[in-house]
Amino acid sequence: MDSSSVLSDEDYDVISNPGQRSLESSIADLHHIPALTTYELPPSDAARERLSAVTLSPVDIQGYVQKALNASSAGKYPRDNITRRVYVDGVFDVLTVGHVHQLRQAKLSFPSVHLIVGVLSDEQCRAHNTTPHFSHLERCELMRHCRWVDQVLHDAPWTVNDRFIIDKRIDYLALEEGSSVNPEFDKERLKGYDVAKRLGRVLPTRMTTRLTAAPLLVSCNASEDNAPFRELAEMVLEQPGHNTFMDPPLKTSTATSVDSKTHDIGALGAMEDLEAIEVADRCARKQRQPAGA
């Protein structure tokens, strides 16, 4: 193919732009694709007063992310309006207000964002001592219906790495502030974020404060093999005159002895006491049923 067969800039102008605009100006137009706006219902006055992240506007969020990225030695907040691909991952069992506030902040971190959410599988969770109540399929479907989410990854890795970021064309990973010092956040997962931080590719989202504790979701079948719940069920059965079919749940101040050990029902750590008692009550009913019933 000789040089005469190659179209010149003038040829492109004639073919693609009857107005004779230059090739450079035509291409420049393609780089400014306005961000799609997501309609958001205004929060209630009560939510504004109680939940810290509710009042964050897109300007607040972008300003906060810009300050964090510019303070990083490796990254700077981009000045153009090109769509950025931002990634958030998690178990999302159950989906809480804290989760959706993080997704909102991730989506609004730049003028235009394609938000990708990775949902960790049941097998991965069990391998890391976490048993989801809802199946992976249901948790993915829940994410699909979230207004802020553009893409759901069903095969999200437990720990992100360079290959995953490149393959999925991820520009930034969103991480809630305080995760690195949160004892409940898996340390292996944090390793992937640490690598991205050194590259200036992690953007912070602010935690929502004053949230209600997530409910305790334990099935009766699963709890039979869980020693604390098995003992709690025995405690319910041993209460004098307690009828598991008629009586209300036990008061959380009750203390009794099981196998010569004293157990305080109110000392169940992060579990909601009333919910724990209700689970034990259901397990006690199950244990009372005859075999094969």
C-alpha atoms as a PDB file:
ATOM      1  CA  MET A   1       0.000   0.000   0.000  1.00  0.00           C
ATOM      2  CA  ASP A   2       1.577   3.310  -1.118  1.00  0.00           C
ATOM      3  CA  SER A   3       1.258   6.683   0.479  1.00  0.00           C
ATOM      4  CA  SER A   4      -1.336   7.856  -2.023  1.00  0.00           C
ATOM      5  CA  SER A   5      -3.849   5.326  -0.693  1.00  0.00           C
ATOM      6  CA  VAL A   6      -3.759   6.787   2.831  1.00  0.00           C
ATOM      7  CA  LEU A   7      -6.490   9.333   3.562  1.00  0.00           C
ATOM      8  CA  SER A   8      -5.348  12.788   4.527  1.00  0.00           C
ATOM      9  CA  ASP A   9      -6.853  14.965   7.225  1.00  0.00           C
ATOM     10  CA  GLU A  10      -8.831  16.760   4.531  1.00  0.00           C
ATOM     11  CA  ASP A  11     -10.292  13.464   3.335  1.00  0.00           C
ATOM     12  CA  TYR A  12     -11.440  12.661   6.890  1.00  0.00           C
ATOM     13  CA  ASP A  13     -13.038  16.078   7.150  1.00  0.00           C
ATOM     14  CA  VAL A  14     -15.046  15.473   3.991  1.00  0.00           C
ATOM     15  CA  ILE A  15     -16.139  11.986   5.018  1.00  0.00           C
ATOM     16  CA  SER A  16     -16.907  12.515   8.697  1.00  0.00           C
ATOM     17  CA  ASN A  17     -17.672  16.195   8.982  1.00  0.00           C
ATOM     18  CA  PRO A  18     -19.454  18.117   6.256  1.00  0.00           C
ATOM     19  CA  GLY A  19     -18.724  21.302   8.214  1.00  0.00           C
ATOM     20  CA  GLN A  20     -15.017  20.859   7.409  1.00  0.00           C
ATOM     21  CA  ARG A  21     -13.956  20.768  11.088  1.00  0.00           C
ATOM     22  CA  SER A  22     -10.455  19.464  11.733  1.00  0.00           C
ATOM     23  CA  LEU A  23      -9.737  15.851  12.645  1.00  0.00           C
ATOM     24  CA  GLU A  24      -8.276  16.951  15.993  1.00  0.00           C
ATOM     25  CA  SER A  25     -11.402  18.838  17.012  1.00  0.00           C
ATOM     26  CA  SER A  26     -13.622  15.900  16.028  1.00  0.00           C
ATOM     27  CA  ILE A  27     -11.605  13.501  18.182  1.00  0.00           C
ATOM     28  CA  ALA A  28     -11.552  15.964  21.069  1.00  0.00           C
ATOM     29  CA  ASP A  29     -15.352  15.890  21.126  1.00  0.00           C
ATOM     30  CA  LEU A  30     -15.287  12.164  21.839  1.00  0.00           C
ATOM     31  CA  HIS A  31     -13.220  12.660  24.997  1.00  0.00           C
ATOM     32  CA  HIS A  32     -15.882  14.662  26.753  1.00  0.00           C
ATOM     33  CA  ILE A  33     -18.743  12.281  27.397  1.00  0.00           C
ATOM     34  CA  PRO A  34     -21.015  13.782  30.053  1.00  0.00           C
ATOM     35  CA  ALA A  35     -21.529  11.692  33.164  1.00  0.00           C
ATOM     36  CA  LEU A  36     -24.839   9.937  33.464  1.00  0.00           C
ATOM     37  CA  THR A  37     -26.799  11.352  36.348  1.00  0.00           C
ATOM     38  CA  THR A  38     -28.481   9.032  38.823  1.00  0.00           C
ATOM     39  CA  TYR A  39     -31.650  10.384  40.344  1.00  0.00           C
ATOM     40  CA  GLU A  40     -31.421  10.351  44.113  1.00  0.00           C
ATOM     41  CA  LEU A  41     -34.311  10.816  46.499  1.00  0.00           C
ATOM     42  CA  PRO A  42     -33.512  13.453  49.131  1.00  0.00           C
ATOM     43  CA  PRO A  43     -32.787  12.055  52.620  1.00  0.00           C
ATOM     44  CA  SER A  44     -35.141  12.746  55.495  1.00  0.00           C
ATOM     45  CA  ASP A  45     -34.341  15.353  58.119  1.00  0.00           C
ATOM     46  CA  ALA A  46     -33.907  12.550  60.667  1.00  0.00           C
ATOM     47  CA  ALA A  47     -31.347  10.808  58.438  1.00  0.00           C
ATOM     48  CA  ARG A  48     -29.476  14.063  57.911  1.00  0.00           C
ATOM     49  CA  GLU A  49     -29.306  14.585  61.642  1.00  0.00           C
ATOM     50  CA  ARG A  50     -28.224  11.084  62.632  1.00  0.00           C
ATOM     51  CA  LEU A  51     -26.216   9.515  59.779  1.00  0.00           C
ATOM     52  CA  SER A  52     -22.954  11.288  59.068  1.00  0.00           C
ATOM     53  CA  ALA A  53     -22.442  10.319  55.406  1.00  0.00           C
ATOM     54  CA  VAL A  54     -25.969  11.293  54.307  1.00  0.00           C
ATOM     55  CA  THR A  55     -25.134  14.974  53.984  1.00  0.00           C
ATOM     56  CA  LEU A  56     -22.119  14.457  51.707  1.00  0.00           C
ATOM     57  CA  SER A  57     -22.764  16.064  48.333  1.00  0.00           C
ATOM     58  CA  PRO A  58     -20.954  15.065  45.113  1.00  0.00           C
ATOM     59  CA  VAL A  59     -18.801  18.184  45.518  1.00  0.00           C
ATOM     60  CA  ASP A  60     -17.921  17.171  49.097  1.00  0.00           C
ATOM     61  CA  ILE A  61     -17.048  13.632  48.032  1.00  0.00           C
ATOM     62  CA  GLN A  62     -14.926  14.654  45.039  1.00  0.00           C
ATOM     63  CA  GLY A  63     -13.128  17.309  47.076  1.00  0.00           C
ATOM     64  CA  TYR A  64     -12.293  14.777  49.775  1.00  0.00           C
ATOM     65  CA  VAL A  65     -11.008  12.213  47.264  1.00  0.00           C
ATOM     66  CA  GLN A  66      -9.033  14.882  45.430  1.00  0.00           C
ATOM     67  CA  LYS A  67      -7.314  15.942  48.644  1.00  0.00           C
ATOM     68  CA  ALA A  68      -6.477  12.336  49.529  1.00  0.00           C
ATOM     69  CA  LEU A  69      -5.079  11.464  46.088  1.00  0.00           C
ATOM     70  CA  ASN A  70      -3.100  14.681  45.774  1.00  0.00           C
ATOM     71  CA  ALA A  71      -1.538  14.006  49.182  1.00  0.00           C
ATOM     72  CA  SER A  72      -0.319  10.641  47.931  1.00  0.00           C
ATOM     73  CA  SER A  73       3.203  10.569  46.556  1.00  0.00           C
ATOM     74  CA  ALA A  74       2.166   8.251  43.714  1.00  0.00           C
ATOM     75  CA  GLY A  75      -1.221   9.551  42.584  1.00  0.00           C
ATOM     76  CA  LYS A  76      -2.968  12.768  41.602  1.00  0.00           C
ATOM     77  CA  TYR A  77      -6.643  13.541  41.145  1.00  0.00           C
ATOM     78  CA  PRO A  78      -7.388  13.538  37.382  1.00  0.00           C
ATOM     79  CA  ARG A  79      -8.445  16.839  35.851  1.00  0.00           C
ATOM     80  CA  ASP A  80     -10.276  15.491  32.805  1.00  0.00           C
ATOM     81  CA  ASN A  81     -13.813  14.141  32.555  1.00  0.00           C
ATOM     82  CA  ILE A  82     -12.964  10.700  31.229  1.00  0.00           C
ATOM     83  CA  THR A  83     -14.994   7.961  32.912  1.00  0.00           C
ATOM     84  CA  ARG A  84     -13.048   6.252  35.696  1.00  0.00           C
ATOM     85  CA  ARG A  85     -13.533   2.598  36.556  1.00  0.00           C
ATOM     86  CA  VAL A  86     -13.819   2.247  40.344  1.00  0.00           C
ATOM     87  CA  TYR A  87     -13.916  -1.095  42.140  1.00  0.00           C
ATOM     88  CA  VAL A  88     -15.519  -2.059  45.467  1.00  0.00           C
ATOM     89  CA  ASP A  89     -15.676  -5.583  46.843  1.00  0.00           C
ATOM     90  CA  GLY A  90     -17.270  -7.297  49.801  1.00  0.00           C
ATOM     91  CA  VAL A  91     -19.473 -10.080  51.117  1.00  0.00           C
ATOM     92  CA  PHE A  92     -22.604  -7.879  51.427  1.00  0.00           C
ATOM     93  CA  ASP A  93     -24.353 -10.238  53.831  1.00  0.00           C
ATOM     94  CA  VAL A  94     -26.496  -8.455  54.745  1.00  0.00           C
ATOM     95  CA  LEU A  95     -26.524  -5.221  52.744  1.00  0.00           C
ATOM     96  CA  THR A  96     -26.509  -2.322  55.225  1.00  0.00           C
ATOM     97  CA  VAL A  97     -26.806   1.447  55.094  1.00  0.00           C
ATOM     98  CA  GLY A  98     -23.042   1.559  55.585  1.00  0.00           C
ATOM     99  CA  HIS A  99     -22.557  -0.476  52.402  1.00  0.00           C
ATOM    100  CA  VAL A 100     -24.817   1.671  50.227  1.00  0.00           C
ATOM    101  CA  HIS A 101     -23.230   4.858  51.544  1.00  0.00           C
ATOM    102  CA  GLN A 102     -19.834   3.498  50.539  1.00  0.00           C
ATOM    103  CA  LEU A 103     -21.136   2.580  47.085  1.00  0.00           C
ATOM    104  CA  ARG A 104     -22.613   6.067  46.706  1.00  0.00           C
ATOM    105  CA  GLN A 105     -19.323   7.717  47.617  1.00  0.00           C
ATOM    106  CA  ALA A 106     -17.409   5.472  45.224  1.00  0.00           C
ATOM    107  CA  LYS A 107     -19.849   6.275  42.409  1.00  0.00           C
ATOM    108  CA  LEU A 108     -19.576  10.028  43.023  1.00  0.00           C
ATOM    109  CA  SER A 109     -15.803  10.155  43.511  1.00  0.00           C
ATOM    110  CA  PHE A 110     -15.272  11.582  40.009  1.00  0.00           C
ATOM    111  CA  PRO A 111     -17.543  13.433  37.584  1.00  0.00           C
ATOM    112  CA  SER A 112     -18.022  10.198  35.640  1.00  0.00           C
ATOM    113  CA  VAL A 113     -17.615   6.744  37.212  1.00  0.00           C
ATOM    114  CA  HIS A 114     -18.255   3.179  36.083  1.00  0.00           C
ATOM    115  CA  LEU A 115     -18.713   1.405  39.415  1.00  0.00           C
ATOM    116  CA  ILE A 116     -17.742  -2.263  39.543  1.00  0.00           C
ATOM    117  CA  VAL A 117     -18.742  -4.337  42.571  1.00  0.00           C
ATOM    118  CA  GLY A 118     -17.113  -7.676  43.302  1.00  0.00           C
ATOM    119  CA  VAL A 119     -19.131 -10.103  45.411  1.00  0.00           C
ATOM    120  CA  LEU A 120     -17.043 -12.683  47.256  1.00  0.00           C
ATOM    121  CA  SER A 121     -18.191 -16.274  46.758  1.00  0.00           C
ATOM    122  CA  ASP A 122     -19.556 -18.667  49.382  1.00  0.00           C
ATOM    123  CA  GLU A 123     -16.509 -20.920  48.967  1.00  0.00           C
ATOM    124  CA  GLN A 124     -14.067 -18.066  49.544  1.00  0.00           C
ATOM    125  CA  CYS A 125     -15.964 -16.910  52.617  1.00  0.00           C
ATOM    126  CA  ARG A 126     -16.010 -20.384  54.165  1.00  0.00           C
ATOM    127  CA  ALA A 127     -12.298 -20.788  53.449  1.00  0.00           C
ATOM    128  CA  HIS A 128     -11.705 -17.633  55.501  1.00  0.00           C
ATOM    129  CA  ASN A 129     -13.960 -18.559  58.435  1.00  0.00           C
ATOM    130  CA  THR A 130     -16.988 -16.586  57.259  1.00  0.00           C
ATOM    131  CA  THR A 131     -20.285 -18.276  56.455  1.00  0.00           C
ATOM    132  CA  PRO A 132     -22.759 -16.043  54.582  1.00  0.00           C
ATOM    133  CA  HIS A 133     -26.431 -16.418  55.410  1.00  0.00           C
ATOM    134  CA  PHE A 134     -27.540 -15.529  51.882  1.00  0.00           C
ATOM    135  CA  SER A 135     -26.197 -17.406  48.874  1.00  0.00           C
ATOM    136  CA  HIS A 136     -23.693 -15.910  46.458  1.00  0.00           C
ATOM    137  CA  LEU A 137     -26.379 -15.821  43.771  1.00  0.00           C
ATOM    138  CA  GLU A 138     -28.734 -13.791  45.968  1.00  0.00           C
ATOM    139  CA  ARG A 139     -26.017 -11.409  47.091  1.00  0.00           C
ATOM    140  CA  CYS A 140     -25.016 -10.755  43.461  1.00  0.00           C
ATOM    141  CA  GLU A 141     -28.637 -10.189  42.510  1.00  0.00           C
ATOM    142  CA  LEU A 142     -28.993  -7.725  45.372  1.00  0.00           C
ATOM    143  CA  MET A 143     -26.032  -5.740  44.059  1.00  0.00           C
ATOM    144  CA  ARG A 144     -27.457  -5.778  40.540  1.00  0.00           C
ATOM    145  CA  HIS A 145     -30.459  -3.815  41.763  1.00  0.00           C
ATOM    146  CA  CYS A 146     -28.472  -1.133  43.599  1.00  0.00           C
ATOM    147  CA  ARG A 147     -28.828   2.206  41.791  1.00  0.00           C
ATOM    148  CA  TRP A 148     -25.143   3.077  42.125  1.00  0.00           C
ATOM    149  CA  VAL A 149     -23.760  -0.152  40.647  1.00  0.00           C
ATOM    150  CA  ASP A 150     -22.879  -0.402  36.943  1.00  0.00           C
ATOM    151  CA  GLN A 151     -21.318  -3.874  36.883  1.00  0.00           C
ATOM    152  CA  VAL A 152     -21.297  -6.906  39.192  1.00  0.00           C
ATOM    153  CA  LEU A 153     -18.357  -9.319  39.222  1.00  0.00           C
ATOM    154  CA  HIS A 154     -19.442 -12.796  40.274  1.00  0.00           C
ATOM    155  CA  ASP A 155     -15.871 -14.131  40.318  1.00  0.00           C
ATOM    156  CA  ALA A 156     -14.228 -11.497  42.506  1.00  0.00           C
ATOM    157  CA  PRO A 157     -10.914 -12.568  44.059  1.00  0.00           C
ATOM    158  CA  TRP A 158     -10.450 -12.578  47.808  1.00  0.00           C
ATOM    159  CA  THR A 159      -7.250 -10.541  47.393  1.00  0.00           C
ATOM    160  CA  VAL A 160      -6.898  -8.134  44.479  1.00  0.00           C
ATOM    161  CA  ASN A 161      -3.592  -8.105  42.599  1.00  0.00           C
ATOM    162  CA  ASP A 162      -1.944  -6.396  39.644  1.00  0.00           C
ATOM    163  CA  ARG A 163      -3.219  -8.940  37.128  1.00  0.00           C
ATOM    164  CA  PHE A 164      -6.831  -8.534  38.269  1.00  0.00           C
ATOM    165  CA  ILE A 165      -6.615  -4.730  38.149  1.00  0.00           C
ATOM    166  CA  ILE A 166      -5.149  -4.803  34.636  1.00  0.00           C
ATOM    167  CA  ASP A 167      -7.557  -7.424  33.288  1.00  0.00           C
ATOM    168  CA  LYS A 168     -10.618  -5.564  34.585  1.00  0.00           C
ATOM    169  CA  ARG A 169      -9.185  -2.162  33.581  1.00  0.00           C
ATOM    170  CA  ILE A 170      -9.700  -0.800  37.098  1.00  0.00           C
ATOM    171  CA  ASP A 171      -8.515   2.748  37.714  1.00  0.00           C
ATOM    172  CA  TYR A 172      -9.196   2.973  41.458  1.00  0.00           C
ATOM    173  CA  LEU A 173     -10.156   0.771  44.378  1.00  0.00           C
ATOM    174  CA  ALA A 174     -12.493   2.272  46.985  1.00  0.00           C
ATOM    175  CA  LEU A 175     -11.715   1.434  50.598  1.00  0.00           C
ATOM    176  CA  GLU A 176     -13.564   2.625  53.674  1.00  0.00           C
ATOM    177  CA  GLU A 177     -11.418   4.616  56.063  1.00  0.00           C
ATOM    178  CA  GLY A 178     -10.408   2.678  59.149  1.00  0.00           C
ATOM    179  CA  SER A 179     -10.402  -0.703  57.391  1.00  0.00           C
ATOM    180  CA  SER A 180      -6.675  -1.156  57.927  1.00  0.00           C
ATOM    181  CA  VAL A 181      -7.118  -0.985  61.711  1.00  0.00           C
ATOM    182  CA  ASN A 182     -10.455  -2.789  61.831  1.00  0.00           C
ATOM    183  CA  PRO A 183      -9.866  -6.209  63.476  1.00  0.00           C
ATOM    184  CA  GLU A 184     -12.854  -7.626  61.587  1.00  0.00           C
ATOM    185  CA  PHE A 185     -11.389  -6.756  58.165  1.00  0.00           C
ATOM    186  CA  ASP A 186      -9.476  -9.739  56.769  1.00  0.00           C
ATOM    187  CA  LYS A 187      -5.729  -9.067  56.724  1.00  0.00           C
ATOM    188  CA  GLU A 188      -5.192 -11.064  53.548  1.00  0.00           C
ATOM    189  CA  ARG A 189      -7.677  -8.868  51.684  1.00  0.00           C
ATOM    190  CA  LEU A 190      -5.898  -5.765  52.983  1.00  0.00           C
ATOM    191  CA  LYS A 191      -2.641  -6.874  51.354  1.00  0.00           C
ATOM    192  CA  GLY A 192      -4.089  -6.250  47.899  1.00  0.00           C
ATOM    193  CA  TYR A 193      -5.221  -2.774  48.892  1.00  0.00           C
ATOM    194  CA  ASP A 194      -1.801  -2.001  50.357  1.00  0.00           C
ATOM    195  CA  VAL A 195      -0.182  -2.665  46.971  1.00  0.00           C
ATOM    196  CA  ALA A 196      -2.708  -0.411  45.219  1.00  0.00           C
ATOM    197  CA  LYS A 197      -2.163   2.307  47.849  1.00  0.00           C
ATOM    198  CA  ARG A 198       1.532   2.488  47.000  1.00  0.00           C
ATOM    199  CA  LEU A 199       0.528   3.143  43.394  1.00  0.00           C
ATOM    200  CA  GLY A 200      -1.888   5.901  44.393  1.00  0.00           C
ATOM    201  CA  ARG A 201      -4.856   3.846  43.204  1.00  0.00           C
ATOM    202  CA  VAL A 202      -6.929   3.624  46.401  1.00  0.00           C
ATOM    203  CA  LEU A 203      -9.551   6.266  47.098  1.00  0.00           C
ATOM    204  CA  PRO A 204     -11.038   6.680  50.585  1.00  0.00           C
ATOM    205  CA  THR A 205     -14.710   6.568  51.475  1.00  0.00           C
ATOM    206  CA  ARG A 206     -15.929   7.893  54.799  1.00  0.00           C
ATOM    207  CA  MET A 207     -17.587   5.608  57.321  1.00  0.00           C
ATOM    208  CA  THR A 208     -21.200   6.197  58.288  1.00  0.00           C
ATOM    209  CA  THR A 209     -21.474   6.589  62.044  1.00  0.00           C
ATOM    210  CA  ARG A 210     -24.336   5.836  64.463  1.00  0.00           C
ATOM    211  CA  LEU A 211     -25.577   2.814  62.521  1.00  0.00           C
ATOM    212  CA  THR A 212     -27.628   0.035  64.076  1.00  0.00           C
ATOM    213  CA  ALA A 213     -25.656  -3.183  64.575  1.00  0.00           C
ATOM    214  CA  ALA A 214     -26.121  -5.664  61.732  1.00  0.00           C
ATOM    215  CA  PRO A 215     -28.565  -8.462  62.630  1.00  0.00           C
ATOM    216  CA  LEU A 216     -27.304 -11.861  63.675  1.00  0.00           C
ATOM    217  CA  LEU A 217     -28.200 -14.309  60.911  1.00  0.00           C
ATOM    218  CA  VAL A 218     -27.652 -17.914  61.946  1.00  0.00           C
ATOM    219  CA  SER A 219     -29.813 -20.755  60.732  1.00  0.00           C
ATOM    220  CA  CYS A 220     -30.950 -23.319  63.277  1.00  0.00           C
ATOM    221  CA  ASN A 221     -29.367 -26.138  61.281  1.00  0.00           C
ATOM    222  CA  ALA A 222     -26.015 -24.350  61.188  1.00  0.00           C
ATOM    223  CA  SER A 223     -26.151 -23.496  64.868  1.00  0.00           C
ATOM    224  CA  GLU A 224     -26.370 -27.137  65.969  1.00  0.00           C
ATOM    225  CA  ASP A 225     -22.650 -27.467  65.292  1.00  0.00           C
ATOM    226  CA  ASN A 226     -21.823 -24.155  66.937  1.00  0.00           C
ATOM    227  CA  ALA A 227     -20.897 -24.619  70.588  1.00  0.00           C
ATOM    228  CA  PRO A 228     -22.084 -21.219  71.902  1.00  0.00           C
ATOM    229  CA  PHE A 229     -25.516 -21.698  70.366  1.00  0.00           C
ATOM    230  CA  ARG A 230     -25.741 -25.307  71.450  1.00  0.00           C
ATOM    231  CA  GLU A 231     -25.007 -24.254  75.029  1.00  0.00           C
ATOM    232  CA  LEU A 232     -27.435 -21.367  74.740  1.00  0.00           C
ATOM    233  CA  ALA A 233     -30.140 -23.768  73.602  1.00  0.00           C
ATOM    234  CA  GLU A 234     -29.441 -25.984  76.607  1.00  0.00           C
ATOM    235  CA  MET A 235     -29.741 -22.965  78.865  1.00  0.00           C
ATOM    236  CA  VAL A 236     -33.172 -22.224  77.452  1.00  0.00           C
ATOM    237  CA  LEU A 237     -34.283 -25.816  78.029  1.00  0.00           C
ATOM    238  CA  GLU A 238     -33.073 -25.769  81.643  1.00  0.00           C
ATOM    239  CA  GLN A 239     -35.023 -22.678  82.662  1.00  0.00           C
ATOM    240  CA  PRO A 240     -37.614 -23.657  85.336  1.00  0.00           C
ATOM    241  CA  GLY A 241     -41.113 -23.678  83.895  1.00  0.00           C
ATOM    242  CA  HIS A 242     -39.989 -22.324  80.531  1.00  0.00           C
ATOM    243  CA  ASN A 243     -42.204 -23.336  77.623  1.00  0.00           C
ATOM    244  CA  THR A 244     -40.425 -22.734  74.333  1.00  0.00           C
ATOM    245  CA  PHE A 245     -43.711 -22.708  72.474  1.00  0.00           C
ATOM    246  CA  MET A 246     -45.532 -20.248  74.731  1.00  0.00           C
ATOM    247  CA  ASP A 247     -43.101 -18.172  76.776  1.00  0.00           C
ATOM    248  CA  PRO A 248     -41.428 -15.001  75.481  1.00  0.00           C
ATOM    249  CA  PRO A 249     -37.642 -14.976  74.988  1.00  0.00           C
ATOM    250  CA  LEU A 250     -35.558 -14.965  78.148  1.00  0.00           C
ATOM    251  CA  LYS A 251     -34.313 -11.719  79.625  1.00  0.00           C
ATOM    252  CA  THR A 252     -30.707 -11.013  78.741  1.00  0.00           C
ATOM    253  CA  SER A 253     -29.715 -10.731  82.396  1.00  0.00           C
ATOM    254  CA  THR A 254     -30.304 -14.447  83.013  1.00  0.00           C
ATOM    255  CA  ALA A 255     -27.312 -16.484  84.138  1.00  0.00           C
ATOM    256  CA  THR A 256     -27.293 -20.241  84.564  1.00  0.00           C
ATOM    257  CA  SER A 257     -24.943 -23.203  84.724  1.00  0.00           C
ATOM    258  CA  VAL A 258     -24.216 -25.599  81.879  1.00  0.00           C
ATOM    259  CA  ASP A 259     -21.775 -28.471  82.437  1.00  0.00           C
ATOM    260  CA  SER A 260     -20.643 -26.875  85.729  1.00  0.00           C
ATOM    261  CA  LYS A 261     -19.821 -23.608  83.938  1.00  0.00           C
ATOM    262  CA  THR A 262     -21.534 -20.317  84.517  1.00  0.00           C
ATOM    263  CA  HIS A 263     -22.689 -18.527  81.364  1.00  0.00           C
ATOM    264  CA  ASP A 264     -24.109 -15.049  81.173  1.00  0.00           C
ATOM    265  CA  ILE A 265     -26.497 -14.674  78.272  1.00  0.00           C
ATOM    266  CA  GLY A 266     -25.843 -10.941  78.263  1.00  0.00           C
ATOM    267  CA  ALA A 267     -22.129 -11.498  77.583  1.00  0.00           C
ATOM    268  CA  LEU A 268     -22.343 -12.574  73.961  1.00  0.00           C
ATOM    269  CA  GLY A 269     -19.970  -9.987  72.547  1.00  0.00           C
ATOM    270  CA  ALA A 270     -21.097  -8.252  69.368  1.00  0.00           C
ATOM    271  CA  MET A 271     -24.233 -10.364  68.969  1.00  0.00           C
ATOM    272  CA  GLU A 272     -27.582  -8.749  69.548  1.00  0.00           C
ATOM    273  CA  ASP A 273     -28.783 -10.361  72.799  1.00  0.00           C
ATOM    274  CA  LEU A 274     -32.443 -10.636  71.921  1.00  0.00           C
ATOM    275  CA  GLU A 275     -31.708 -12.133  68.515  1.00  0.00           C
ATOM    276  CA  ALA A 276     -29.270 -14.603  70.067  1.00  0.00           C
ATOM    277  CA  ILE A 277     -31.921 -15.719  72.536  1.00  0.00           C
ATOM    278  CA  GLU A 278     -34.453 -16.122  69.751  1.00  0.00           C
ATOM    279  CA  VAL A 279     -32.022 -18.299  67.806  1.00  0.00           C
ATOM    280  CA  ALA A 280     -31.387 -20.411  70.886  1.00  0.00           C
ATOM    281  CA  ASP A 281     -35.122 -20.670  71.470  1.00  0.00           C
ATOM    282  CA  ARG A 282     -35.629 -22.039  67.967  1.00  0.00           C
ATOM    283  CA  CYS A 283     -32.782 -24.487  68.448  1.00  0.00           C
ATOM    284  CA  ALA A 284     -34.270 -25.616  71.740  1.00  0.00           C
ATOM    285  CA  ARG A 285     -37.543 -26.373  69.991  1.00  0.00           C
ATOM    286  CA  LYS A 286     -35.692 -28.375  67.387  1.00  0.00           C
ATOM    287  CA  GLN A 287     -33.834 -30.376  70.046  1.00  0.00           C
ATOM    288  CA  ARG A 288     -37.114 -31.213  71.755  1.00  0.00           C
ATOM    289  CA  GLN A 289     -38.533 -32.746  68.590  1.00  0.00           C
ATOM    290  CA  PRO A 290     -38.363 -36.546  68.417  1.00  0.00           C
ATOM    291  CA  ALA A 291     -35.806 -38.032  66.064  1.00  0.00           C
ATOM    292  CA  GLY A 292     -37.083 -38.167  62.502  1.00  0.00           C
ATOM    293  CA  ALA A 293     -39.824 -35.579  63.179  1.00  0.00           C
END
